[in-house]
Amino acid sequence: MQYSTKIDRTTETLNDVATLVAHIEEDRVLAAILNKRLSHDDIVEYTLHLREKCSRQQREIESLRKFSKTFNKEFATNHNKCFSTAKRLFGVIRSNMSETLKLLKRFCPRVMGQPHVAEGEEQKASVIDHSMLSRAVPYSPVFFGMEGCDSCVKEFIDELLRFFKDVEEAVLMCEDVLQEESIIRKDTARCLRLYEQCCEDVIERSYEFIEYFGEEGFAKEDSMSAEMHKLPSLQDFVSGHFHMHNKNEFQIHVLHKAYSEGKANDLSDIETFLWPTDHTTAIRARVIVEHFDELNPRGRQVGNSGRYRLSGKHLAVFMKWCEVKDTKKEKYFVERYFNEAYHGVYDTIASSTLNTAKNKLLRDDTGEREIRDEIERIASKYCA
């Protein structure tokens, strides 16, 4: 009989491998070694081979660990139209899986006879089902146990069990990723939160694209938006499209969506970047900037010119009120938004000055409440 190391890269195969490696025990391995009549040299060679594979195995497990921490936090993933999540996970642990299948084959029993033929093709048996290391195959425990074996046998078994323990860890991580993905697909509220968070992340990385392409670049509806508009609600869209689009499609979709909705609410490109999903705050902030001098935000005098700069503290409180927190957004907020929109009597300040004022505010928030109250007063007075 011939054995095949080919497997279907599916969730079911992951489950089969997890079950197999979880039940490999010392007695079973010892019985398999004796059944195969391995020589001392064979065992030493296999032990050295396993030790060599361990370093690659650990690197692969570390890659899988990083993958598992981020994969289900992304609404869009690449290659999902060509490969299922299970296939992608098999790709991440390909060395682990390849070596596992080779080891299983090495301990398959020798069976003489004609190969099984079906529909004109020779049918090979799966190593997962027929290896003597699999609990599906019965074995007889060795009477004298490990006490009667050479030290090289114990070393080999220790290395083998350590290897399969790491394989088990990798496969269980894969199963956790698949299980979490399935749970997210069924949780519309969680899908929606992921969708909105990933939209914000794309906007934060893409302001230069928004500014560069302008109205003509985002006027044409993208494919994801077209599919969204066919459904009755955003909730229906996100639950049905989680991990169904690649990252480029998602980025184009987010930019088109942000730009279109921003234009519908008469937002500028920089306002769309700062508040991609909170257009109410964008409109209220615009009003505050127009009436900013009503806050009496006088800062330091500019030399002997008789002019004064804006108070960094007032601007820091205003930025906090606007819920602008990301470092890159803070720089755009002061240099590309506020300084260009403000036309009051005071000189504007640089982002470094604002950053200094923000840090001071973290140490001492004296006066912050009063400034916030004045901001709210202006917003109530001028915002409909």
Protein backbone atom coordinates (compact mmCIF):
# COMPACT_ATOMS: atom_id res chain seq x y z
CA MET A 1 0.00 0.00 0.00
CA GLN A 2 1.23 3.49 -0.80
CA TYR A 3 0.57 6.50 1.43
CA SER A 4 -0.19 10.09 0.50
CA THR A 5 0.86 13.24 2.33
CA LYS A 6 -1.57 15.33 0.30
CA ILE A 7 -4.32 16.95 2.35
CA ASP A 8 -7.30 19.18 1.81
CA ARG A 9 -6.48 22.55 3.34
CA THR A 10 -9.77 22.87 5.20
CA THR A 11 -11.02 23.47 8.72
CA GLU A 12 -11.82 19.75 9.00
CA THR A 13 -8.20 18.82 8.26
CA LEU A 14 -6.98 21.24 10.93
CA ASN A 15 -9.32 19.55 13.40
CA ASP A 16 -8.02 16.11 12.37
CA VAL A 17 -4.39 17.16 12.84
CA ALA A 18 -5.17 18.81 16.19
CA THR A 19 -6.80 15.61 17.45
CA LEU A 20 -3.94 13.45 16.19
CA VAL A 21 -1.04 15.41 17.68
CA ALA A 22 -2.86 15.90 20.99
CA HIS A 23 -2.93 12.11 21.55
CA ILE A 24 0.62 11.15 20.56
CA GLU A 25 2.16 9.53 23.63
CA GLU A 26 5.52 8.06 24.56
CA ASP A 27 4.31 4.44 24.56
CA ARG A 28 2.80 4.76 21.10
CA VAL A 29 5.97 6.32 19.66
CA LEU A 30 8.12 3.58 21.20
CA ALA A 31 5.88 0.90 19.72
CA ALA A 32 6.08 2.58 16.31
CA ILE A 33 9.91 2.71 16.49
CA LEU A 34 10.12 -1.00 17.24
CA ASN A 35 7.58 -1.86 14.55
CA LYS A 36 9.65 0.01 11.97
CA ARG A 37 12.83 -1.67 13.28
CA LEU A 38 14.78 1.56 13.22
CA SER A 39 18.52 1.20 13.70
CA HIS A 40 20.64 3.25 16.10
CA ASP A 41 21.96 5.33 13.18
CA ASP A 42 18.41 5.95 11.88
CA ILE A 43 17.29 7.23 15.27
CA VAL A 44 20.30 9.53 15.67
CA GLU A 45 19.76 10.87 12.16
CA TYR A 46 16.05 11.52 12.80
CA THR A 47 16.85 13.25 16.10
CA LEU A 48 19.33 15.63 14.47
CA HIS A 49 16.84 16.31 11.68
CA LEU A 50 14.11 17.22 14.16
CA ARG A 51 16.41 19.57 16.06
CA GLU A 52 17.26 21.32 12.81
CA LYS A 53 13.58 21.77 12.02
CA CYS A 54 12.77 23.23 15.44
CA SER A 55 14.25 26.68 14.76
CA ARG A 56 12.23 27.06 11.56
CA GLN A 57 9.19 25.78 13.39
CA GLN A 58 9.52 28.46 16.07
CA ARG A 59 9.88 31.24 13.50
CA GLU A 60 6.74 30.02 11.79
CA ILE A 61 4.81 29.87 15.05
CA GLU A 62 5.87 33.44 15.84
CA SER A 63 4.63 34.57 12.41
CA LEU A 64 1.35 32.77 13.07
CA ARG A 65 1.07 34.45 16.47
CA LYS A 66 1.44 37.90 14.87
CA PHE A 67 -1.04 36.95 12.13
CA SER A 68 -3.60 35.71 14.65
CA LYS A 69 -3.45 38.95 16.65
CA THR A 70 -4.34 41.20 13.71
CA PHE A 71 -6.26 39.12 11.15
CA ASN A 72 -9.71 39.40 12.73
CA LYS A 73 -9.22 43.08 13.48
CA GLU A 74 -9.16 43.82 9.73
CA PHE A 75 -12.43 44.19 7.86
CA ALA A 76 -10.72 43.61 4.52
CA THR A 77 -8.07 40.97 3.82
CA ASN A 78 -6.03 40.19 0.72
CA HIS A 79 -6.38 37.01 -1.38
CA ASN A 80 -9.76 36.10 0.14
CA LYS A 81 -11.30 35.51 -3.30
CA CYS A 82 -8.65 32.93 -4.14
CA PHE A 83 -8.09 31.30 -0.76
CA SER A 84 -10.29 30.51 2.21
CA THR A 85 -9.07 31.54 5.65
CA ALA A 86 -8.17 27.90 6.36
CA LYS A 87 -5.97 27.78 3.26
CA ARG A 88 -4.24 30.99 4.28
CA LEU A 89 -3.53 29.54 7.72
CA PHE A 90 -2.11 26.37 6.16
CA GLY A 91 0.17 28.68 4.20
CA VAL A 92 1.41 30.35 7.37
CA ILE A 93 2.28 26.98 8.98
CA ARG A 94 3.34 25.19 5.80
CA SER A 95 6.73 24.02 7.17
CA ASN A 96 5.13 22.70 10.35
CA MET A 97 2.48 20.85 8.39
CA SER A 98 4.90 19.48 5.79
CA GLU A 99 7.22 18.05 8.45
CA THR A 100 4.27 16.64 10.40
CA LEU A 101 3.00 14.74 7.37
CA LYS A 102 6.48 13.43 6.60
CA LEU A 103 6.85 12.14 10.16
CA LEU A 104 3.44 10.48 10.02
CA LYS A 105 4.38 8.80 6.74
CA ARG A 106 7.69 7.62 8.20
CA PHE A 107 5.72 5.63 10.77
CA CYS A 108 3.13 4.15 8.45
CA PRO A 109 3.21 0.31 8.43
CA ARG A 110 4.54 -1.58 5.46
CA VAL A 111 1.73 -3.45 3.81
CA MET A 112 2.43 -5.78 0.91
CA GLY A 113 -0.08 -6.33 -1.86
CA GLN A 114 -1.61 -4.72 -4.88
CA PRO A 115 -2.51 -1.01 -4.66
CA HIS A 116 -6.19 -0.14 -4.50
CA VAL A 117 -7.47 1.13 -7.84
CA ALA A 118 -10.72 3.07 -8.30
CA GLU A 119 -11.98 4.60 -11.53
CA GLY A 120 -8.72 3.66 -13.21
CA GLU A 121 -6.52 5.54 -10.72
CA GLU A 122 -4.39 4.18 -7.90
CA GLN A 123 -5.80 5.29 -4.55
CA LYS A 124 -3.25 6.16 -1.87
CA ALA A 125 -4.09 6.00 1.83
CA SER A 126 -3.92 9.12 3.99
CA VAL A 127 -1.00 9.24 6.43
CA ILE A 128 -3.28 10.95 8.97
CA ASP A 129 -5.53 7.89 9.10
CA HIS A 130 -2.90 5.13 8.79
CA SER A 131 0.22 6.29 10.63
CA MET A 132 1.09 4.24 13.71
CA LEU A 133 1.32 7.57 15.56
CA SER A 134 -2.40 8.12 15.01
CA ARG A 135 -4.75 6.94 17.74
CA ALA A 136 -6.99 5.54 15.00
CA VAL A 137 -4.40 2.77 14.55
CA PRO A 138 -4.27 0.20 17.40
CA TYR A 139 -0.90 -0.70 18.94
CA SER A 140 0.51 -3.01 21.59
CA PRO A 141 2.47 -1.31 24.39
CA VAL A 142 6.10 -2.39 24.69
CA PHE A 143 6.52 -4.71 27.67
CA PHE A 144 9.87 -3.40 28.91
CA GLY A 145 9.03 0.28 28.22
CA MET A 146 11.65 3.02 28.08
CA GLU A 147 13.83 1.34 30.75
CA GLY A 148 15.14 -1.18 28.24
CA CYS A 149 15.94 1.34 25.48
CA ASP A 150 19.14 3.13 24.52
CA SER A 151 19.48 6.78 25.50
CA CYS A 152 19.27 7.79 21.83
CA VAL A 153 15.71 6.41 21.69
CA LYS A 154 14.62 8.56 24.63
CA GLU A 155 16.28 11.62 23.08
CA PHE A 156 14.45 11.00 19.81
CA ILE A 157 11.09 10.53 21.52
CA ASP A 158 11.60 13.70 23.57
CA GLU A 159 12.38 15.67 20.41
CA LEU A 160 9.41 14.16 18.59
CA LEU A 161 6.95 14.91 21.40
CA ARG A 162 8.34 18.44 21.70
CA PHE A 163 7.89 18.94 17.97
CA PHE A 164 4.30 17.71 18.01
CA LYS A 165 3.54 19.87 21.07
CA ASP A 166 4.54 22.92 19.05
CA VAL A 167 2.48 21.67 16.10
CA GLU A 168 -0.50 21.37 18.44
CA GLU A 169 0.01 24.96 19.59
CA ALA A 170 0.10 26.18 15.98
CA VAL A 171 -2.99 24.22 14.93
CA LEU A 172 -4.97 25.40 17.98
CA MET A 173 -4.07 29.01 17.13
CA CYS A 174 -5.38 28.40 13.60
CA GLU A 175 -8.61 26.97 15.01
CA ASP A 176 -8.99 30.00 17.29
CA VAL A 177 -8.64 32.35 14.32
CA LEU A 178 -11.27 30.43 12.35
CA GLN A 179 -13.64 30.28 15.31
CA GLU A 180 -13.32 34.00 15.99
CA GLU A 181 -13.90 34.79 12.32
CA SER A 182 -17.08 32.71 12.38
CA ILE A 183 -18.28 34.45 15.56
CA ILE A 184 -17.63 37.89 14.07
CA ARG A 185 -19.56 37.06 10.88
CA LYS A 186 -22.62 36.26 13.02
CA ASP A 187 -22.28 39.38 15.19
CA THR A 188 -23.59 42.30 13.13
CA ALA A 189 -22.78 44.89 15.81
CA ARG A 190 -19.16 43.70 16.00
CA CYS A 191 -18.87 43.69 12.20
CA LEU A 192 -20.13 47.25 12.15
CA ARG A 193 -17.62 48.37 14.79
CA LEU A 194 -14.77 46.76 12.84
CA TYR A 195 -15.98 48.34 9.60
CA GLU A 196 -16.16 51.81 11.14
CA GLN A 197 -12.80 51.50 12.92
CA CYS A 198 -11.07 50.27 9.76
CA CYS A 199 -12.66 53.12 7.81
CA GLU A 200 -11.13 55.60 10.25
CA ASP A 201 -7.74 53.88 10.02
CA VAL A 202 -7.78 54.16 6.22
CA ILE A 203 -8.72 57.84 6.37
CA GLU A 204 -5.87 58.57 8.79
CA ARG A 205 -3.39 56.96 6.39
CA SER A 206 -4.86 58.48 3.25
CA TYR A 207 -5.33 62.22 3.58
CA GLU A 208 -2.69 62.84 0.94
CA PHE A 209 -4.73 60.70 -1.48
CA ILE A 210 -7.91 62.64 -0.73
CA GLU A 211 -6.09 65.92 -1.29
CA TYR A 212 -4.39 64.68 -4.46
CA PHE A 213 -7.32 63.06 -6.26
CA GLY A 214 -9.92 65.65 -5.30
CA GLU A 215 -13.45 65.62 -6.64
CA GLU A 216 -12.73 63.93 -9.98
CA GLY A 217 -10.84 61.04 -8.39
CA PHE A 218 -13.68 59.98 -6.09
CA ALA A 219 -16.70 60.97 -8.13
CA LYS A 220 -17.10 57.51 -9.66
CA GLU A 221 -18.76 54.99 -7.38
CA ASP A 222 -16.57 52.05 -6.37
CA SER A 223 -17.66 48.40 -6.53
CA MET A 224 -18.07 47.97 -2.76
CA SER A 225 -20.27 51.07 -2.49
CA ALA A 226 -22.35 49.82 -5.42
CA GLU A 227 -22.94 46.52 -3.58
CA MET A 228 -23.72 48.38 -0.36
CA HIS A 229 -26.42 50.44 -2.05
CA LYS A 230 -28.20 47.28 -3.18
CA LEU A 231 -28.84 46.28 0.44
CA PRO A 232 -31.40 47.79 2.83
CA SER A 233 -28.91 48.75 5.57
CA LEU A 234 -25.24 49.08 6.46
CA GLN A 235 -25.71 46.27 8.99
CA ASP A 236 -26.76 43.90 6.22
CA PHE A 237 -23.70 44.88 4.21
CA VAL A 238 -21.03 44.51 6.90
CA SER A 239 -22.21 41.13 8.17
CA GLY A 240 -22.25 39.71 4.66
CA HIS A 241 -18.95 41.22 3.50
CA PHE A 242 -16.57 40.64 6.43
CA HIS A 243 -13.28 39.28 4.99
CA MET A 244 -14.81 39.28 1.49
CA HIS A 245 -12.83 42.16 -0.05
CA ASN A 246 -9.12 42.88 -0.41
CA LYS A 247 -7.41 45.88 1.14
CA ASN A 248 -7.14 47.92 -2.06
CA GLU A 249 -10.86 47.56 -2.71
CA PHE A 250 -11.57 48.58 0.87
CA GLN A 251 -9.31 51.63 0.74
CA ILE A 252 -10.93 52.88 -2.47
CA HIS A 253 -14.36 52.25 -0.94
CA VAL A 254 -13.55 54.12 2.28
CA LEU A 255 -12.11 57.11 0.43
CA HIS A 256 -15.06 57.31 -1.94
CA LYS A 257 -17.53 56.94 0.94
CA ALA A 258 -15.79 59.56 3.11
CA TYR A 259 -15.44 62.01 0.23
CA SER A 260 -19.02 61.58 -0.99
CA GLU A 261 -20.56 61.91 2.45
CA GLY A 262 -18.30 64.84 3.28
CA LYS A 263 -19.32 66.67 0.10
CA ALA A 264 -22.97 65.94 0.83
CA ASN A 265 -22.52 67.79 4.14
CA ASP A 266 -20.44 70.58 2.55
CA LEU A 267 -17.22 69.47 4.26
CA SER A 268 -13.79 70.37 2.94
CA ASP A 269 -11.18 67.66 2.31
CA ILE A 270 -9.35 68.47 5.55
CA GLU A 271 -12.62 68.35 7.52
CA THR A 272 -13.37 64.96 5.98
CA PHE A 273 -9.94 63.74 7.05
CA LEU A 274 -10.29 64.99 10.63
CA TRP A 275 -13.88 63.85 11.14
CA PRO A 276 -14.65 61.13 8.56
CA THR A 277 -17.68 59.77 10.43
CA ASP A 278 -18.58 62.65 12.77
CA HIS A 279 -19.80 65.39 10.49
CA THR A 280 -21.73 67.10 13.29
CA THR A 281 -18.51 67.83 15.15
CA ALA A 282 -16.91 69.05 11.90
CA ILE A 283 -19.70 71.58 11.37
CA ARG A 284 -19.70 72.70 15.02
CA ALA A 285 -15.90 73.05 14.98
CA ARG A 286 -16.11 75.27 11.90
CA VAL A 287 -18.46 77.60 13.76
CA ILE A 288 -16.16 77.74 16.80
CA VAL A 289 -13.20 78.69 14.60
CA GLU A 290 -15.23 81.51 13.03
CA HIS A 291 -15.94 82.92 16.51
CA PHE A 292 -12.75 81.83 18.24
CA ASP A 293 -11.84 85.32 19.40
CA GLU A 294 -14.91 85.30 21.65
CA LEU A 295 -12.93 82.90 23.87
CA ASN A 296 -10.41 85.72 24.54
CA PRO A 297 -7.55 83.41 23.51
CA ARG A 298 -4.73 85.94 23.84
CA GLY A 299 -1.32 84.37 24.34
CA ARG A 300 2.19 85.79 24.37
CA GLN A 301 3.11 89.10 22.72
CA VAL A 302 4.99 88.91 19.43
CA GLY A 303 8.18 90.90 20.13
CA ASN A 304 7.47 94.62 20.31
CA SER A 305 4.92 94.55 17.52
CA GLY A 306 1.92 95.03 19.76
CA ARG A 307 0.43 91.85 18.34
CA TYR A 308 -0.29 88.68 20.30
CA ARG A 309 -0.24 85.02 19.45
CA LEU A 310 -3.10 82.68 20.10
CA SER A 311 -3.06 80.95 23.44
CA GLY A 312 -1.74 77.40 23.00
CA LYS A 313 -3.83 76.34 25.97
CA HIS A 314 -7.08 77.54 24.38
CA LEU A 315 -6.26 75.79 21.12
CA ALA A 316 -5.27 72.57 22.97
CA VAL A 317 -8.59 72.54 24.84
CA PHE A 318 -10.45 73.20 21.59
CA MET A 319 -8.63 70.33 19.85
CA LYS A 320 -9.51 68.07 22.78
CA TRP A 321 -13.13 69.22 22.56
CA CYS A 322 -13.06 68.29 18.86
CA GLU A 323 -11.80 64.79 19.83
CA VAL A 324 -8.73 65.07 17.59
CA LYS A 325 -6.26 62.69 19.26
CA ASP A 326 -4.05 61.02 16.69
CA THR A 327 -0.57 62.59 16.45
CA LYS A 328 -0.69 62.96 12.66
CA LYS A 329 -4.18 64.45 12.86
CA GLU A 330 -3.03 66.95 15.50
CA LYS A 331 -0.42 68.32 13.11
CA TYR A 332 -2.97 68.61 10.30
CA PHE A 333 -5.49 70.09 12.72
CA VAL A 334 -3.33 73.09 13.59
CA GLU A 335 -1.36 73.64 10.35
CA ARG A 336 -3.81 72.64 7.61
CA TYR A 337 -7.15 73.21 9.31
CA PHE A 338 -7.15 75.81 12.08
CA ASN A 339 -4.39 78.11 10.82
CA GLU A 340 -6.02 78.29 7.36
CA ALA A 341 -9.59 78.69 8.66
CA TYR A 342 -8.89 81.18 11.45
CA HIS A 343 -9.06 84.88 10.48
CA GLY A 344 -9.11 86.57 13.89
CA VAL A 345 -6.94 89.24 15.44
CA TYR A 346 -4.28 86.95 16.88
CA ASP A 347 -1.27 85.35 15.19
CA THR A 348 -1.52 81.60 14.68
CA ILE A 349 0.87 79.12 16.29
CA ALA A 350 2.89 76.14 15.06
CA SER A 351 2.07 72.52 15.82
CA SER A 352 5.12 72.28 18.12
CA THR A 353 3.71 75.10 20.29
CA LEU A 354 0.35 73.38 20.42
CA ASN A 355 2.02 70.10 21.41
CA THR A 356 3.81 71.84 24.29
CA ALA A 357 0.53 73.34 25.49
CA LYS A 358 -1.19 69.97 25.22
CA ASN A 359 1.47 68.30 27.39
CA LYS A 360 1.22 71.06 30.00
CA LEU A 361 -2.53 70.55 30.06
CA LEU A 362 -2.01 66.87 30.86
CA ARG A 363 0.02 67.86 33.94
CA ASP A 364 -2.19 70.76 35.03
CA ASP A 365 -5.76 71.17 33.74
CA THR A 366 -6.46 74.39 35.64
CA GLY A 367 -8.81 76.55 33.55
CA GLU A 368 -9.73 73.76 31.12
CA ARG A 369 -13.31 73.49 32.36
CA GLU A 370 -13.88 77.24 31.95
CA ILE A 371 -12.57 77.19 28.36
CA ARG A 372 -14.72 74.16 27.50
CA ASP A 373 -17.78 75.88 28.93
CA GLU A 374 -17.12 78.92 26.74
CA ILE A 375 -16.71 76.67 23.68
CA GLU A 376 -20.05 75.04 24.45
CA ARG A 377 -21.64 78.48 24.91
CA ILE A 378 -20.46 79.59 21.46
CA ALA A 379 -21.60 76.32 19.88
CA SER A 380 -25.06 76.69 21.45
CA LYS A 381 -25.27 80.32 20.37
CA TYR A 382 -24.35 79.90 16.69
CA CYS A 383 -25.13 76.29 15.81
CA ALA A 384 -28.68 75.59 14.79
